PDB file of N, CA and C in Angstrom:
ATOM      1  N   UNK A   1       0.603  -1.013   0.331  1.00  0.00           N
ATOM      2  CA  UNK A   1      -0.096   0.149   0.051  1.00  0.00           C
ATOM      3  C   UNK A   1       0.805   1.113  -0.036  1.00  0.00           C
ATOM      4  N   UNK A   2       0.477   1.982  -0.849  1.00  0.00           N
ATOM      5  CA  UNK A   2       1.074   3.597  -1.068  1.00  0.00           C
ATOM      6  C   UNK A   2       1.125   4.687   0.292  1.00  0.00           C
ATOM      7  N   UNK A   3       2.099   4.933   0.784  1.00  0.00           N
ATOM      8  CA  UNK A   3       2.097   5.853   1.912  1.00  0.00           C
ATOM      9  C   UNK A   3       1.517   7.161   1.420  1.00  0.00           C
ATOM     10  N   UNK A   4       0.573   7.918   2.322  1.00  0.00           N
ATOM     11  CA  UNK A   4      -0.045   9.435   1.806  1.00  0.00           C
ATOM     12  C   UNK A   4       1.221  10.260   2.231  1.00  0.00           C
ATOM     13  N   UNK A   5       1.498  11.458   1.346  1.00  0.00           N
ATOM     14  CA  UNK A   5       2.666  11.822   2.002  1.00  0.00           C
ATOM     15  C   UNK A   5       2.289  13.236   2.676  1.00  0.00           C
ATOM     16  N   UNK A   6       0.737  13.464   2.489  1.00  0.00           N
ATOM     17  CA  UNK A   6       0.275  14.550   3.347  1.00  0.00           C
ATOM     18  C   UNK A   6       0.477  14.485   4.652  1.00  0.00           C
ATOM     19  N   UNK A   7       0.280  12.745   5.064  1.00  0.00           N
ATOM     20  CA  UNK A   7       0.247  12.909   6.569  1.00  0.00           C
ATOM     21  C   UNK A   7       1.354  12.292   7.232  1.00  0.00           C
ATOM     22  N   UNK A   8       2.229  12.594   6.623  1.00  0.00           N
ATOM     23  CA  UNK A   8       3.759  12.181   6.989  1.00  0.00           C
ATOM     24  C   UNK A   8       4.396  12.606   8.077  1.00  0.00           C
ATOM     25  N   UNK A   9       3.976  14.563   8.300  1.00  0.00           N
ATOM     26  CA  UNK A   9       4.187  15.260   8.923  1.00  0.00           C
ATOM     27  C   UNK A   9       3.124  16.040   9.740  1.00  0.00           C
ATOM     28  N   UNK A  10       2.553  15.425  10.726  1.00  0.00           N
ATOM     29  CA  UNK A  10       1.469  16.133  11.241  1.00  0.00           C
ATOM     30  C   UNK A  10       2.123  16.807  12.538  1.00  0.00           C
ATOM     31  N   UNK A  11       1.714  18.151  12.767  1.00  0.00           N
ATOM     32  CA  UNK A  11       2.198  18.715  14.181  1.00  0.00           C
ATOM     33  C   UNK A  11       1.193  18.894  15.581  1.00  0.00           C
ATOM     34  N   UNK A  12       1.331  18.273  16.433  1.00  0.00           N
ATOM     35  CA  UNK A  12       0.524  18.603  17.610  1.00  0.00           C
ATOM     36  C   UNK A  12       0.299  19.805  17.853  1.00  0.00           C
ATOM     37  N   UNK A  13      -0.948  20.424  18.238  1.00  0.00           N
ATOM     38  CA  UNK A  13      -1.256  21.478  19.098  1.00  0.00           C
ATOM     39  C   UNK A  13      -0.368  22.617  19.715  1.00  0.00           C
ATOM     40  N   UNK A  14       0.321  21.372  20.931  1.00  0.00           N
ATOM     41  CA  UNK A  14       1.235  21.947  21.939  1.00  0.00           C
ATOM     42  C   UNK A  14       2.570  21.895  21.327  1.00  0.00           C
ATOM     43  N   UNK A  15       2.784  21.267  20.287  1.00  0.00           N
ATOM     44  CA  UNK A  15       3.860  21.660  19.782  1.00  0.00           C
ATOM     45  C   UNK A  15       4.098  22.672  18.474  1.00  0.00           C
ATOM     46  N   UNK A  16       2.908  22.929  17.966  1.00  0.00           N
ATOM     47  CA  UNK A  16       2.571  24.300  17.405  1.00  0.00           C
ATOM     48  C   UNK A  16       2.833  25.441  18.219  1.00  0.00           C
ATOM     49  N   UNK A  17       2.427  25.389  18.949  1.00  0.00           N
ATOM     50  CA  UNK A  17       2.118  26.513  20.106  1.00  0.00           C
ATOM     51  C   UNK A  17       3.379  27.033  20.624  1.00  0.00           C
ATOM     52  N   UNK A  18       4.500  25.770  20.545  1.00  0.00           N
ATOM     53  CA  UNK A  18       5.655  26.092  20.872  1.00  0.00           C
ATOM     54  C   UNK A  18       6.788  26.538  20.212  1.00  0.00           C
ATOM     55  N   UNK A  19       6.253  26.087  18.864  1.00  0.00           N
ATOM     56  CA  UNK A  19       7.054  26.738  17.495  1.00  0.00           C
ATOM     57  C   UNK A  19       7.191  27.837  17.431  1.00  0.00           C
ATOM     58  N   UNK A  20       5.873  28.676  17.145  1.00  0.00           N
ATOM     59  CA  UNK A  20       5.443  29.955  17.066  1.00  0.00           C
ATOM     60  C   UNK A  20       5.120  30.990  18.290  1.00  0.00           C
ATOM     61  N   UNK A  21       5.350  30.473  19.536  1.00  0.00           N
ATOM     62  CA  UNK A  21       5.727  30.979  20.741  1.00  0.00           C
ATOM     63  C   UNK A  21       4.317  31.879  20.939  1.00  0.00           C
ATOM     64  N   UNK A  22       3.403  30.862  20.948  1.00  0.00           N
ATOM     65  CA  UNK A  22       1.943  31.355  21.410  1.00  0.00           C
ATOM     66  C   UNK A  22       1.562  30.353  22.174  1.00  0.00           C
ATOM     67  N   UNK A  23       0.124  30.778  22.974  1.00  0.00           N
ATOM     68  CA  UNK A  23      -0.329  29.779  23.716  1.00  0.00           C
ATOM     69  C   UNK A  23      -1.360  29.222  22.560  1.00  0.00           C
ATOM     70  N   UNK A  24      -2.444  28.566  23.830  1.00  0.00           N
ATOM     71  CA  UNK A  24      -3.441  27.927  22.909  1.00  0.00           C
ATOM     72  C   UNK A  24      -4.839  28.690  22.445  1.00  0.00           C
ATOM     73  N   UNK A  25      -4.330  29.826  23.436  1.00  0.00           N
ATOM     74  CA  UNK A  25      -5.873  30.735  23.126  1.00  0.00           C
ATOM     75  C   UNK A  25      -5.469  31.565  21.800  1.00  0.00           C
ATOM     76  N   UNK A  26      -4.239  32.096  21.743  1.00  0.00           N
ATOM     77  CA  UNK A  26      -3.300  32.495  20.552  1.00  0.00           C
ATOM     78  C   UNK A  26      -3.719  31.877  19.066  1.00  0.00           C
ATOM     79  N   UNK A  27      -3.118  30.803  19.584  1.00  0.00           N
ATOM     80  CA  UNK A  27      -3.425  29.553  18.277  1.00  0.00           C
ATOM     81  C   UNK A  27      -5.133  29.582  17.951  1.00  0.00           C
ATOM     82  N   UNK A  28      -5.564  29.575  18.857  1.00  0.00           N
ATOM     83  CA  UNK A  28      -7.360  29.680  18.362  1.00  0.00           C
ATOM     84  C   UNK A  28      -7.239  30.942  17.699  1.00  0.00           C
ATOM     85  N   UNK A  29      -6.858  31.882  17.827  1.00  0.00           N
ATOM     86  CA  UNK A  29      -7.351  33.183  17.254  1.00  0.00           C
ATOM     87  C   UNK A  29      -6.837  32.916  15.958  1.00  0.00           C
ATOM     88  N   UNK A  30      -5.435  32.471  15.394  1.00  0.00           N
ATOM     89  CA  UNK A  30      -4.862  32.030  14.437  1.00  0.00           C
ATOM     90  C   UNK A  30      -5.808  31.490  13.364  1.00  0.00           C
ATOM     91  N   UNK A  31      -6.045  30.313  13.922  1.00  0.00           N
ATOM     92  CA  UNK A  31      -7.241  29.626  13.304  1.00  0.00           C
ATOM     93  C   UNK A  31      -8.608  30.229  12.879  1.00  0.00           C
ATOM     94  N   UNK A  32      -8.973  31.104  13.555  1.00  0.00           N
ATOM     95  CA  UNK A  32     -10.504  31.456  13.930  1.00  0.00           C
ATOM     96  C   UNK A  32     -10.308  32.879  12.855  1.00  0.00           C
ATOM     97  N   UNK A  33      -9.682  33.709  13.336  1.00  0.00           N
ATOM     98  CA  UNK A  33      -9.371  35.112  12.745  1.00  0.00           C
ATOM     99  C   UNK A  33      -8.118  35.227  11.286  1.00  0.00           C
ATOM    100  N   UNK A  34      -7.196  34.470  11.530  1.00  0.00           N
ATOM    101  CA  UNK A  34      -6.331  34.563  10.900  1.00  0.00           C
ATOM    102  C   UNK A  34      -6.218  33.458   9.380  1.00  0.00           C
ATOM    103  N   UNK A  35      -7.545  32.269   9.372  1.00  0.00           N
ATOM    104  CA  UNK A  35      -7.222  31.174   8.813  1.00  0.00           C
ATOM    105  C   UNK A  35      -6.143  30.273   8.462  1.00  0.00           C
ATOM    106  N   UNK A  36      -5.634  30.152   9.827  1.00  0.00           N
ATOM    107  CA  UNK A  36      -4.957  28.870   9.963  1.00  0.00           C
ATOM    108  C   UNK A  36      -5.388  27.416  10.152  1.00  0.00           C
ATOM    109  N   UNK A  37      -4.841  26.660   8.918  1.00  0.00           N
ATOM    110  CA  UNK A  37      -5.566  25.781   8.585  1.00  0.00           C
ATOM    111  C   UNK A  37      -5.166  24.391   9.823  1.00  0.00           C
ATOM    112  N   UNK A  38      -5.743  23.555   9.803  1.00  0.00           N
ATOM    113  CA  UNK A  38      -6.217  22.602  11.200  1.00  0.00           C
ATOM    114  C   UNK A  38      -6.589  21.708  10.448  1.00  0.00           C
ATOM    115  N   UNK A  39      -6.368  20.066  10.713  1.00  0.00           N
ATOM    116  CA  UNK A  39      -7.452  19.150  10.908  1.00  0.00           C
ATOM    117  C   UNK A  39      -7.578  18.949  12.241  1.00  0.00           C
ATOM    118  N   UNK A  40      -9.425  18.950  12.358  1.00  0.00           N
ATOM    119  CA  UNK A  40      -9.791  18.669  13.661  1.00  0.00           C
ATOM    120  C   UNK A  40      -9.987  16.817  14.188  1.00  0.00           C
ATOM    121  N   UNK A  41      -9.280  16.198  14.798  1.00  0.00           N
ATOM    122  CA  UNK A  41      -9.138  14.727  15.121  1.00  0.00           C
ATOM    123  C   UNK A  41     -10.775  14.748  15.658  1.00  0.00           C
ATOM    124  N   UNK A  42     -10.860  15.575  17.053  1.00  0.00           N
ATOM    125  CA  UNK A  42     -12.290  15.174  17.679  1.00  0.00           C
ATOM    126  C   UNK A  42     -12.514  16.594  18.425  1.00  0.00           C
ATOM    127  N   UNK A  43     -13.527  16.573  19.062  1.00  0.00           N
ATOM    128  CA  UNK A  43     -14.139  17.744  19.727  1.00  0.00           C
ATOM    129  C   UNK A  43     -12.855  18.599  20.362  1.00  0.00           C
ATOM    130  N   UNK A  44     -12.104  18.105  21.109  1.00  0.00           N
ATOM    131  CA  UNK A  44     -10.868  18.622  21.539  1.00  0.00           C
ATOM    132  C   UNK A  44      -9.720  18.737  20.940  1.00  0.00           C
ATOM    133  N   UNK A  45      -9.374  18.068  20.093  1.00  0.00           N
ATOM    134  CA  UNK A  45      -7.947  17.797  19.385  1.00  0.00           C
ATOM    135  C   UNK A  45      -7.775  18.375  18.448  1.00  0.00           C
ATOM    136  N   UNK A  46      -6.949  18.890  17.830  1.00  0.00           N
ATOM    137  CA  UNK A  46      -6.387  19.473  16.396  1.00  0.00           C
ATOM    138  C   UNK A  46      -5.009  19.152  15.729  1.00  0.00           C
ATOM    139  N   UNK A  47      -4.913  18.586  14.898  1.00  0.00           N
ATOM    140  CA  UNK A  47      -3.654  18.341  14.330  1.00  0.00           C
ATOM    141  C   UNK A  47      -3.275  19.723  13.398  1.00  0.00           C
ATOM    142  N   UNK A  48      -1.833  19.896  12.711  1.00  0.00           N
ATOM    143  CA  UNK A  48      -2.014  20.776  11.818  1.00  0.00           C
ATOM    144  C   UNK A  48      -0.419  20.153  10.661  1.00  0.00           C
ATOM    145  N   UNK A  49      -1.032  19.962   9.193  1.00  0.00           N
ATOM    146  CA  UNK A  49       0.108  19.715   8.362  1.00  0.00           C
ATOM    147  C   UNK A  49       1.302  20.768   8.342  1.00  0.00           C
ATOM    148  N   UNK A  50       2.443  20.049   8.318  1.00  0.00           N
ATOM    149  CA  UNK A  50       3.442  21.184   8.257  1.00  0.00           C
ATOM    150  C   UNK A  50       3.331  21.716   6.714  1.00  0.00           C
ATOM    151  N   UNK A  51       3.049  21.119   6.165  1.00  0.00           N
ATOM    152  CA  UNK A  51       2.856  22.057   4.838  1.00  0.00           C
ATOM    153  C   UNK A  51       1.673  22.821   4.758  1.00  0.00           C
ATOM    154  N   UNK A  52       0.807  23.084   5.546  1.00  0.00           N
ATOM    155  CA  UNK A  52      -0.110  23.948   5.292  1.00  0.00           C
ATOM    156  C   UNK A  52       0.621  24.910   6.279  1.00  0.00           C
ATOM    157  N   UNK A  53       0.987  25.002   7.577  1.00  0.00           N
ATOM    158  CA  UNK A  53       1.687  25.945   8.114  1.00  0.00           C
ATOM    159  C   UNK A  53       2.731  26.579   7.670  1.00  0.00           C
ATOM    160  N   UNK A  54       3.296  25.729   7.049  1.00  0.00           N
ATOM    161  CA  UNK A  54       5.015  26.593   5.954  1.00  0.00           C
ATOM    162  C   UNK A  54       4.061  27.734   5.067  1.00  0.00           C
ATOM    163  N   UNK A  55       2.909  26.819   4.336  1.00  0.00           N
ATOM    164  CA  UNK A  55       2.323  27.833   3.133  1.00  0.00           C
ATOM    165  C   UNK A  55       1.792  29.089   4.070  1.00  0.00           C
ATOM    166  N   UNK A  56       0.952  28.594   5.109  1.00  0.00           N
ATOM    167  CA  UNK A  56       0.551  29.860   5.776  1.00  0.00           C
ATOM    168  C   UNK A  56       1.410  30.834   6.126  1.00  0.00           C
ATOM    169  N   UNK A  57       2.718  30.620   7.117  1.00  0.00           N
ATOM    170  CA  UNK A  57       3.564  31.349   7.562  1.00  0.00           C
ATOM    171  C   UNK A  57       3.964  32.363   6.043  1.00  0.00           C
ATOM    172  N   UNK A  58       4.534  31.272   4.991  1.00  0.00           N
ATOM    173  CA  UNK A  58       4.928  32.079   3.657  1.00  0.00           C
ATOM    174  C   UNK A  58       3.974  33.102   3.034  1.00  0.00           C
ATOM    175  N   UNK A  59       2.610  32.810   3.339  1.00  0.00           N
ATOM    176  CA  UNK A  59       1.807  33.754   2.656  1.00  0.00           C
ATOM    177  C   UNK A  59       1.557  35.152   3.672  1.00  0.00           C
ATOM    178  N   UNK A  60       2.221  34.886   4.974  1.00  0.00           N
ATOM    179  CA  UNK A  60       1.799  35.992   5.620  1.00  0.00           C
ATOM    180  C   UNK A  60       3.703  37.027   6.042  1.00  0.00           C
ATOM    181  N   UNK A  61       4.301  36.324   5.246  1.00  0.00           N
ATOM    182  CA  UNK A  61       5.712  36.964   4.843  1.00  0.00           C
ATOM    183  C   UNK A  61       5.529  38.520   4.462  1.00  0.00           C
ATOM    184  N   UNK A  62       6.439  39.524   5.108  1.00  0.00           N
ATOM    185  CA  UNK A  62       6.554  40.464   4.884  1.00  0.00           C
ATOM    186  C   UNK A  62       7.771  41.157   4.250  1.00  0.00           C
ATOM    187  N   UNK A  63       8.062  41.477   3.160  1.00  0.00           N
ATOM    188  CA  UNK A  63       9.563  42.224   2.348  1.00  0.00           C
ATOM    189  C   UNK A  63       9.534  43.945   2.534  1.00  0.00           C
ATOM    190  N   UNK A  64      10.543  44.256   3.222  1.00  0.00           N
ATOM    191  CA  UNK A  64      10.628  45.624   3.245  1.00  0.00           C
ATOM    192  C   UNK A  64       9.088  46.215   3.883  1.00  0.00           C
ATOM    193  N   UNK A  65       8.737  45.689   4.857  1.00  0.00           N
ATOM    194  CA  UNK A  65       7.448  46.342   5.454  1.00  0.00           C
ATOM    195  C   UNK A  65       6.024  46.388   4.438  1.00  0.00           C
ATOM    196  N   UNK A  66       6.587  45.761   3.752  1.00  0.00           N
ATOM    197  CA  UNK A  66       4.986  45.378   2.297  1.00  0.00           C
ATOM    198  C   UNK A  66       4.860  43.491   2.469  1.00  0.00           C
ATOM    199  N   UNK A  67       3.550  43.676   2.552  1.00  0.00           N
ATOM    200  CA  UNK A  67       3.075  42.288   2.615  1.00  0.00           C
ATOM    201  C   UNK A  67       3.185  41.592   0.853  1.00  0.00           C
ATOM    202  N   UNK A  68       3.161  40.147   0.660  1.00  0.00           N
ATOM    203  CA  UNK A  68       3.437  39.383  -0.652  1.00  0.00           C
ATOM    204  C   UNK A  68       2.229  39.887  -1.224  1.00  0.00           C
ATOM    205  N   UNK A  69       1.128  39.936  -0.951  1.00  0.00           N
ATOM    206  CA  UNK A  69      -0.127  40.312  -1.554  1.00  0.00           C
ATOM    207  C   UNK A  69       0.005  41.881  -1.873  1.00  0.00           C
ATOM    208  N   UNK A  70       0.221  42.713  -1.444  1.00  0.00           N
ATOM    209  CA  UNK A  70       0.327  44.340  -1.650  1.00  0.00           C
ATOM    210  C   UNK A  70       1.307  44.417  -2.881  1.00  0.00           C
ATOM    211  N   UNK A  71       2.113  43.358  -2.578  1.00  0.00           N
ATOM    212  CA  UNK A  71       2.953  43.506  -3.986  1.00  0.00           C
ATOM    213  C   UNK A  71       2.339  43.139  -5.104  1.00  0.00           C
ATOM    214  N   UNK A  72       1.481  41.838  -4.908  1.00  0.00           N
ATOM    215  CA  UNK A  72       1.073  41.489  -6.411  1.00  0.00           C
ATOM    216  C   UNK A  72      -0.066  42.037  -6.735  1.00  0.00           C
ATOM    217  N   UNK A  73      -0.716  42.722  -5.847  1.00  0.00           N
ATOM    218  CA  UNK A  73      -1.633  43.747  -6.191  1.00  0.00           C
ATOM    219  C   UNK A  73      -1.123  44.981  -6.900  1.00  0.00           C
ATOM    220  N   UNK A  74      -0.127  45.459  -6.388  1.00  0.00           N
ATOM    221  CA  UNK A  74       0.714  46.171  -7.421  1.00  0.00           C
ATOM    222  C   UNK A  74       1.016  46.212  -8.581  1.00  0.00           C
ATOM    223  N   UNK A  75       1.363  44.876  -9.047  1.00  0.00           N
ATOM    224  CA  UNK A  75       1.663  44.605 -10.581  1.00  0.00           C
ATOM    225  C   UNK A  75       0.438  44.507 -11.444  1.00  0.00           C
ATOM    226  N   UNK A  76      -0.808  44.381 -11.013  1.00  0.00           N
ATOM    227  CA  UNK A  76      -1.906  44.386 -12.165  1.00  0.00           C
ATOM    228  C   UNK A  76      -2.157  45.809 -12.391  1.00  0.00           C
TER     229      UNK A  76
END
């Protein structure tokens, strides 16, 4: 049976909090207000795909005080 690479690098909520330097409340805000993607395992448990977290972080990256989204908008 072929492995599904999308599930090879799951990050537990506690580990992501430590990685980002935030508490669970702040992580909840990132999910609810900033669209941080997650997988809901059950009512009280979530995990995060490493690739989703990386892509989400890269989408929020700023260069010289400007977001990539603003730069893309200026190109039109």
